[in-house]
Amino acid sequence: MPPHPRPPQRPLPPGQRFKPEIESARAGGAADSDLMLRLTLGDAAKLKRDPNVSTEDLSFHGGETRYLGVKVVEGGVETSALVIITA
């Protein structure tokens, strides 16, 4: 009898996925103002509801959402990504 294939692994929650990417970009010299977190509407909702994301890490001010100090833009993308803005 052939072995059963493993079920596909679930993707990491957005908070766990992007925290190391943001930290790596900062370590590479990027400022928070040079970074933008483009999230699908689903990932944005997951980030806001994630009980493992500290209220210190996620802020809402003046109609803007920030995760770890990085601006979050919701929707308009098929795949979530951390974008480094270059002038």
Protein backbone atom coordinates (compact mmCIF):
# COMPACT_ATOMS: atom_id res chain seq x y z
CA MET A 1 0.00 0.00 0.00
CA PRO A 2 1.56 3.36 -0.99
CA PRO A 3 2.08 5.95 1.74
CA HIS A 4 -0.47 8.70 2.03
CA PRO A 5 0.71 12.07 0.77
CA ARG A 6 1.21 14.68 3.45
CA PRO A 7 -1.42 17.38 3.58
CA PRO A 8 -0.16 20.77 2.42
CA GLN A 9 1.20 22.94 5.19
CA ARG A 10 -0.87 25.90 6.22
CA PRO A 11 0.65 29.26 5.47
CA LEU A 12 1.95 31.20 8.46
CA PRO A 13 -0.32 33.89 9.86
CA PRO A 14 0.61 37.32 8.43
CA GLY A 15 2.06 38.53 11.74
CA GLN A 16 4.46 35.59 11.98
CA ARG A 17 5.27 35.71 8.28
CA PHE A 18 6.12 39.40 8.02
CA LYS A 19 7.76 40.13 11.38
CA PRO A 20 11.08 38.48 10.38
CA GLU A 21 10.92 40.14 6.94
CA ILE A 22 10.45 43.58 8.52
CA GLU A 23 13.27 42.94 11.00
CA SER A 24 15.54 41.78 8.17
CA ALA A 25 14.77 44.87 6.07
CA ARG A 26 15.54 47.11 9.05
CA ALA A 27 18.79 45.25 9.67
CA GLY A 28 19.63 45.92 6.03
CA GLY A 29 19.26 49.64 6.60
CA ALA A 30 15.64 50.28 5.59
CA ALA A 31 13.69 52.81 7.64
CA ASP A 32 10.03 52.19 8.49
CA SER A 33 9.13 55.00 6.08
CA ASP A 34 10.84 52.97 3.29
CA LEU A 35 8.63 49.94 3.95
CA MET A 36 5.01 49.16 3.11
CA LEU A 37 3.12 46.02 3.97
CA ARG A 38 0.70 45.26 1.11
CA LEU A 39 -1.85 42.76 2.38
CA THR A 40 -4.76 40.97 0.78
CA LEU A 41 -8.05 41.79 2.49
CA GLY A 42 -8.01 38.31 4.04
CA ASP A 43 -4.48 38.68 5.44
CA ALA A 44 -5.32 42.14 6.78
CA ALA A 45 -8.32 40.72 8.62
CA LYS A 46 -6.22 37.84 9.99
CA LEU A 47 -3.53 40.25 11.20
CA LYS A 48 -6.09 42.35 13.06
CA ARG A 49 -7.69 39.30 14.71
CA ASP A 50 -4.50 37.39 15.54
CA PRO A 51 -4.34 36.94 19.33
CA ASN A 52 -0.56 36.47 19.06
CA VAL A 53 -0.06 39.99 17.67
CA SER A 54 0.56 42.40 20.53
CA THR A 55 -1.42 45.62 20.75
CA GLU A 56 1.98 47.32 20.91
CA ASP A 57 2.85 45.88 17.49
CA LEU A 58 -0.39 46.84 15.72
CA SER A 59 -1.66 50.42 15.76
CA PHE A 60 -4.57 52.31 14.25
CA HIS A 61 -4.23 56.07 14.09
CA GLY A 62 -5.68 58.68 11.77
CA GLY A 63 -7.25 56.06 9.50
CA GLU A 64 -3.90 54.31 9.03
CA THR A 65 -2.89 50.85 10.20
CA ARG A 66 0.71 50.09 11.11
CA TYR A 67 2.32 46.79 12.01
CA LEU A 68 5.64 47.10 13.83
CA GLY A 69 5.70 50.73 12.70
CA VAL A 70 5.30 49.81 9.01
CA LYS A 71 2.33 51.19 7.09
CA VAL A 72 -0.23 48.54 6.11
CA VAL A 73 -2.13 48.91 2.84
CA GLU A 74 -5.12 46.62 2.56
CA GLY A 75 -6.47 45.13 -0.66
CA GLY A 76 -5.63 45.62 -4.30
CA VAL A 77 -3.15 42.70 -4.36
CA GLU A 78 -3.50 38.98 -4.99
CA THR A 79 -0.57 38.07 -2.74
CA SER A 80 0.59 39.83 0.42
CA ALA A 81 4.12 41.21 0.41
CA LEU A 82 6.50 43.55 2.17
CA VAL A 83 7.47 46.28 -0.28
CA ILE A 84 10.64 48.35 0.00
CA ILE A 85 10.01 51.79 -1.46
CA THR A 86 12.96 53.30 -3.28
CA ALA A 87 13.13 56.90 -4.34
